[in-house]
Amino acid sequence: MTTQVFKSIAIGVLVGAALFFAPFFLIRFLLFFLLIGLIVRFFVGGRFRRDWGYGFPPAFADKIRNMTDEEYAAFKQKYQVNCHPQNKPQTAQL
């Protein structure tokens, strides 16, 4: 009988200690993975991210503004479709 009481007390103490210390370890665990995620995004993810959207980079805007009408028409003709291989115009094959 006394062993059952001690087992119940020991289990209660262990569960209580686990619940008491859980936030401490949980916060450390989450902060660790959050920090690792931020480091990976900063060093790796930044290389593949295009902040300027799907068009041309902002440095291109000055070049386009300074074009003559003929240069701009040639530019539009050249870049009418994007550079994805499925969207390239078909050329005549011999």
N, C-alpha and C. Protein backbone atom coordinates (compact mmCIF):
# COMPACT_ATOMS: atom_id res chain seq x y z
N MET A 1 0.82 -1.19 0.00
CA MET A 1 0.00 0.00 0.00
C MET A 1 0.87 1.25 0.00
N THR A 2 1.93 1.23 0.84
CA THR A 2 2.78 2.41 0.90
C THR A 2 3.54 2.60 -0.41
N THR A 3 3.86 1.51 -1.14
CA THR A 3 4.57 1.67 -2.41
C THR A 3 3.66 2.31 -3.46
N GLN A 4 2.37 2.00 -3.42
CA GLN A 4 1.44 2.63 -4.35
C GLN A 4 1.31 4.12 -4.07
N VAL A 5 1.33 4.50 -2.82
CA VAL A 5 1.25 5.91 -2.45
C VAL A 5 2.51 6.63 -2.91
N PHE A 6 3.68 5.99 -2.70
CA PHE A 6 4.94 6.62 -3.13
C PHE A 6 5.04 6.71 -4.65
N LYS A 7 4.54 5.68 -5.34
CA LYS A 7 4.52 5.73 -6.81
C LYS A 7 3.62 6.87 -7.29
N SER A 8 2.47 7.03 -6.70
CA SER A 8 1.55 8.11 -7.09
C SER A 8 2.17 9.47 -6.81
N ILE A 9 2.83 9.60 -5.67
CA ILE A 9 3.49 10.87 -5.33
C ILE A 9 4.63 11.14 -6.29
N ALA A 10 5.43 10.10 -6.59
CA ALA A 10 6.56 10.29 -7.51
C ALA A 10 6.08 10.67 -8.90
N ILE A 11 5.03 10.00 -9.38
CA ILE A 11 4.48 10.34 -10.71
C ILE A 11 3.93 11.76 -10.69
N GLY A 12 3.24 12.15 -9.62
CA GLY A 12 2.71 13.51 -9.51
C GLY A 12 3.81 14.56 -9.49
N VAL A 13 4.91 14.25 -8.78
CA VAL A 13 6.05 15.19 -8.72
C VAL A 13 6.69 15.31 -10.10
N LEU A 14 6.87 14.18 -10.80
CA LEU A 14 7.48 14.22 -12.13
C LEU A 14 6.61 14.97 -13.13
N VAL A 15 5.31 14.70 -13.11
CA VAL A 15 4.40 15.40 -14.03
C VAL A 15 4.35 16.88 -13.69
N GLY A 16 4.30 17.21 -12.41
CA GLY A 16 4.30 18.62 -12.00
C GLY A 16 5.57 19.33 -12.40
N ALA A 17 6.72 18.68 -12.22
CA ALA A 17 7.99 19.29 -12.62
C ALA A 17 8.05 19.46 -14.13
N ALA A 18 7.55 18.46 -14.87
CA ALA A 18 7.54 18.56 -16.34
C ALA A 18 6.67 19.72 -16.80
N LEU A 19 5.51 19.86 -16.17
CA LEU A 19 4.63 20.98 -16.55
C LEU A 19 5.21 22.32 -16.11
N PHE A 20 5.94 22.34 -15.01
CA PHE A 20 6.54 23.58 -14.54
C PHE A 20 7.68 24.02 -15.45
N PHE A 21 8.53 23.07 -15.88
CA PHE A 21 9.70 23.42 -16.69
C PHE A 21 9.42 23.38 -18.20
N ALA A 22 8.27 22.92 -18.63
CA ALA A 22 7.95 22.82 -20.06
C ALA A 22 8.03 24.17 -20.78
N PRO A 23 7.47 25.24 -20.23
CA PRO A 23 7.57 26.51 -20.95
C PRO A 23 9.02 26.97 -21.15
N PHE A 24 9.86 26.71 -20.17
CA PHE A 24 11.26 27.10 -20.27
C PHE A 24 11.93 26.39 -21.45
N PHE A 25 11.75 25.08 -21.54
CA PHE A 25 12.36 24.32 -22.63
C PHE A 25 11.66 24.57 -23.95
N LEU A 26 10.36 24.75 -23.92
CA LEU A 26 9.61 25.02 -25.14
C LEU A 26 10.02 26.35 -25.75
N ILE A 27 10.18 27.36 -24.92
CA ILE A 27 10.61 28.67 -25.43
C ILE A 27 12.02 28.59 -26.00
N ARG A 28 12.92 27.90 -25.33
CA ARG A 28 14.27 27.73 -25.86
C ARG A 28 14.25 26.97 -27.18
N PHE A 29 13.44 25.93 -27.26
CA PHE A 29 13.33 25.13 -28.48
C PHE A 29 12.82 25.98 -29.63
N LEU A 30 11.76 26.75 -29.40
CA LEU A 30 11.20 27.59 -30.45
C LEU A 30 12.16 28.71 -30.85
N LEU A 31 12.82 29.33 -29.89
CA LEU A 31 13.78 30.38 -30.22
C LEU A 31 14.96 29.84 -31.02
N PHE A 32 15.41 28.64 -30.68
CA PHE A 32 16.50 28.03 -31.42
C PHE A 32 16.13 27.83 -32.89
N PHE A 33 14.97 27.23 -33.15
CA PHE A 33 14.57 26.99 -34.53
C PHE A 33 14.19 28.28 -35.25
N LEU A 34 13.67 29.25 -34.55
CA LEU A 34 13.39 30.54 -35.16
C LEU A 34 14.69 31.22 -35.58
N LEU A 35 15.69 31.17 -34.73
CA LEU A 35 16.99 31.76 -35.05
C LEU A 35 17.64 31.05 -36.24
N ILE A 36 17.59 29.73 -36.25
CA ILE A 36 18.15 28.97 -37.37
C ILE A 36 17.40 29.32 -38.66
N GLY A 37 16.08 29.42 -38.59
CA GLY A 37 15.29 29.77 -39.77
C GLY A 37 15.62 31.16 -40.30
N LEU A 38 15.82 32.11 -39.41
CA LEU A 38 16.18 33.46 -39.85
C LEU A 38 17.55 33.49 -40.50
N ILE A 39 18.49 32.75 -39.93
CA ILE A 39 19.84 32.70 -40.51
C ILE A 39 19.79 32.08 -41.90
N VAL A 40 19.04 31.00 -42.05
CA VAL A 40 18.94 30.34 -43.36
C VAL A 40 18.27 31.27 -44.36
N ARG A 41 17.20 31.94 -43.96
CA ARG A 41 16.53 32.87 -44.88
C ARG A 41 17.45 34.02 -45.27
N PHE A 42 18.23 34.50 -44.33
CA PHE A 42 19.09 35.65 -44.61
C PHE A 42 20.21 35.28 -45.58
N PHE A 43 20.85 34.14 -45.35
CA PHE A 43 22.00 33.78 -46.18
C PHE A 43 21.62 33.03 -47.44
N VAL A 44 20.64 32.14 -47.39
CA VAL A 44 20.30 31.32 -48.54
C VAL A 44 19.10 31.88 -49.28
N GLY A 45 18.05 32.20 -48.56
CA GLY A 45 16.81 32.64 -49.20
C GLY A 45 16.94 33.95 -49.92
N GLY A 46 17.85 34.82 -49.49
CA GLY A 46 18.00 36.12 -50.13
C GLY A 46 18.54 36.03 -51.54
N ARG A 47 19.24 34.95 -51.84
CA ARG A 47 19.81 34.81 -53.17
C ARG A 47 18.75 34.51 -54.21
N PHE A 48 17.67 33.86 -53.80
CA PHE A 48 16.66 33.45 -54.75
C PHE A 48 15.44 34.35 -54.74
N ARG A 49 15.41 35.32 -53.87
CA ARG A 49 14.27 36.21 -53.76
C ARG A 49 14.45 37.38 -54.72
N ARG A 50 13.37 37.75 -55.39
CA ARG A 50 13.40 38.88 -56.32
C ARG A 50 12.50 39.96 -55.75
N ASP A 51 13.09 40.92 -55.05
CA ASP A 51 12.30 41.96 -54.41
C ASP A 51 11.65 42.91 -55.40
N TRP A 52 12.17 42.97 -56.62
CA TRP A 52 11.64 43.93 -57.56
C TRP A 52 10.50 43.37 -58.37
N GLY A 53 10.01 42.21 -58.04
CA GLY A 53 8.83 41.67 -58.70
C GLY A 53 9.18 40.87 -59.93
N TYR A 54 8.20 40.76 -60.81
CA TYR A 54 8.37 39.91 -61.99
C TYR A 54 8.85 40.68 -63.21
N GLY A 55 8.95 41.96 -63.13
CA GLY A 55 9.38 42.75 -64.26
C GLY A 55 10.89 42.91 -64.27
N PHE A 56 11.31 44.04 -64.72
CA PHE A 56 12.73 44.34 -64.78
C PHE A 56 13.18 44.98 -63.48
N PRO A 57 14.45 44.85 -63.13
CA PRO A 57 14.91 45.50 -61.90
C PRO A 57 14.81 47.02 -62.02
N PRO A 58 14.72 47.73 -60.90
CA PRO A 58 14.54 49.17 -60.95
C PRO A 58 15.64 49.92 -61.68
N ALA A 59 16.84 49.36 -61.73
CA ALA A 59 17.92 50.04 -62.44
C ALA A 59 17.63 50.12 -63.93
N PHE A 60 16.78 49.22 -64.41
CA PHE A 60 16.41 49.22 -65.82
C PHE A 60 15.49 50.38 -66.16
N ALA A 61 14.80 50.93 -65.18
CA ALA A 61 13.81 51.97 -65.43
C ALA A 61 14.45 53.21 -66.05
N ASP A 62 15.61 53.63 -65.54
CA ASP A 62 16.28 54.80 -66.11
C ASP A 62 16.72 54.55 -67.54
N LYS A 63 17.16 53.34 -67.81
CA LYS A 63 17.59 53.01 -69.16
C LYS A 63 16.40 53.06 -70.12
N ILE A 64 15.26 52.57 -69.68
CA ILE A 64 14.08 52.57 -70.54
C ILE A 64 13.56 54.00 -70.73
N ARG A 65 13.61 54.82 -69.70
CA ARG A 65 13.14 56.21 -69.81
C ARG A 65 13.98 57.01 -70.79
N ASN A 66 15.26 56.69 -70.89
CA ASN A 66 16.16 57.46 -71.74
C ASN A 66 16.24 56.93 -73.17
N MET A 67 15.43 55.93 -73.53
CA MET A 67 15.46 55.38 -74.88
C MET A 67 14.69 56.28 -75.85
N THR A 68 15.12 56.22 -77.09
CA THR A 68 14.36 56.90 -78.14
C THR A 68 13.17 56.03 -78.49
N ASP A 69 12.27 56.56 -79.32
CA ASP A 69 11.08 55.79 -79.69
C ASP A 69 11.45 54.53 -80.47
N GLU A 70 12.45 54.62 -81.34
CA GLU A 70 12.87 53.45 -82.11
C GLU A 70 13.50 52.39 -81.20
N GLU A 71 14.35 52.84 -80.27
CA GLU A 71 14.97 51.89 -79.34
C GLU A 71 13.93 51.23 -78.45
N TYR A 72 12.93 52.01 -78.03
CA TYR A 72 11.89 51.45 -77.17
C TYR A 72 11.03 50.44 -77.92
N ALA A 73 10.73 50.73 -79.19
CA ALA A 73 9.94 49.78 -79.99
C ALA A 73 10.73 48.48 -80.18
N ALA A 74 12.04 48.58 -80.43
CA ALA A 74 12.86 47.38 -80.57
C ALA A 74 12.95 46.61 -79.25
N PHE A 75 13.03 47.34 -78.17
CA PHE A 75 13.08 46.72 -76.85
C PHE A 75 11.79 45.96 -76.55
N LYS A 76 10.64 46.58 -76.83
CA LYS A 76 9.36 45.92 -76.60
C LYS A 76 9.22 44.68 -77.48
N GLN A 77 9.69 44.78 -78.72
CA GLN A 77 9.61 43.63 -79.63
C GLN A 77 10.46 42.48 -79.10
N LYS A 78 11.64 42.80 -78.60
CA LYS A 78 12.56 41.77 -78.12
C LYS A 78 12.05 41.11 -76.85
N TYR A 79 11.48 41.88 -75.93
CA TYR A 79 11.04 41.37 -74.64
C TYR A 79 9.52 41.29 -74.53
N GLN A 80 8.86 41.00 -75.62
CA GLN A 80 7.40 40.94 -75.60
C GLN A 80 6.93 39.75 -74.76
N VAL A 81 7.64 38.64 -74.83
CA VAL A 81 7.33 37.49 -73.98
C VAL A 81 8.45 37.35 -72.98
N ASN A 82 8.17 36.68 -71.86
CA ASN A 82 9.21 36.52 -70.85
C ASN A 82 10.21 35.47 -71.29
N CYS A 83 11.19 35.20 -70.50
CA CYS A 83 12.29 34.34 -70.90
C CYS A 83 12.05 32.87 -70.62
N HIS A 84 10.85 32.50 -70.20
CA HIS A 84 10.57 31.09 -69.96
C HIS A 84 10.55 30.35 -71.29
N PRO A 85 11.15 29.17 -71.37
CA PRO A 85 11.25 28.46 -72.67
C PRO A 85 9.90 28.16 -73.31
N GLN A 86 8.86 27.96 -72.52
CA GLN A 86 7.56 27.66 -73.11
C GLN A 86 6.95 28.88 -73.79
N ASN A 87 7.37 30.07 -73.43
CA ASN A 87 6.76 31.28 -73.98
C ASN A 87 7.60 31.90 -75.08
N LYS A 88 8.67 31.28 -75.49
CA LYS A 88 9.49 31.87 -76.55
C LYS A 88 8.75 31.72 -77.89
N PRO A 89 8.88 32.70 -78.75
CA PRO A 89 8.21 32.60 -80.05
C PRO A 89 8.82 31.47 -80.87
N GLN A 90 7.98 30.82 -81.65
CA GLN A 90 8.45 29.72 -82.49
C GLN A 90 9.15 30.29 -83.72
N THR A 91 10.27 29.68 -84.07
CA THR A 91 11.00 30.11 -85.26
C THR A 91 10.80 29.06 -86.34
N ALA A 92 10.94 29.47 -87.56
CA ALA A 92 10.77 28.55 -88.67
C ALA A 92 11.93 27.57 -88.71
N GLN A 93 11.61 26.29 -88.86
CA GLN A 93 12.65 25.29 -88.92
C GLN A 93 12.81 24.86 -90.38
N LEU A 94 14.04 24.69 -90.80
CA LEU A 94 14.31 24.27 -92.18
C LEU A 94 14.43 22.78 -92.30
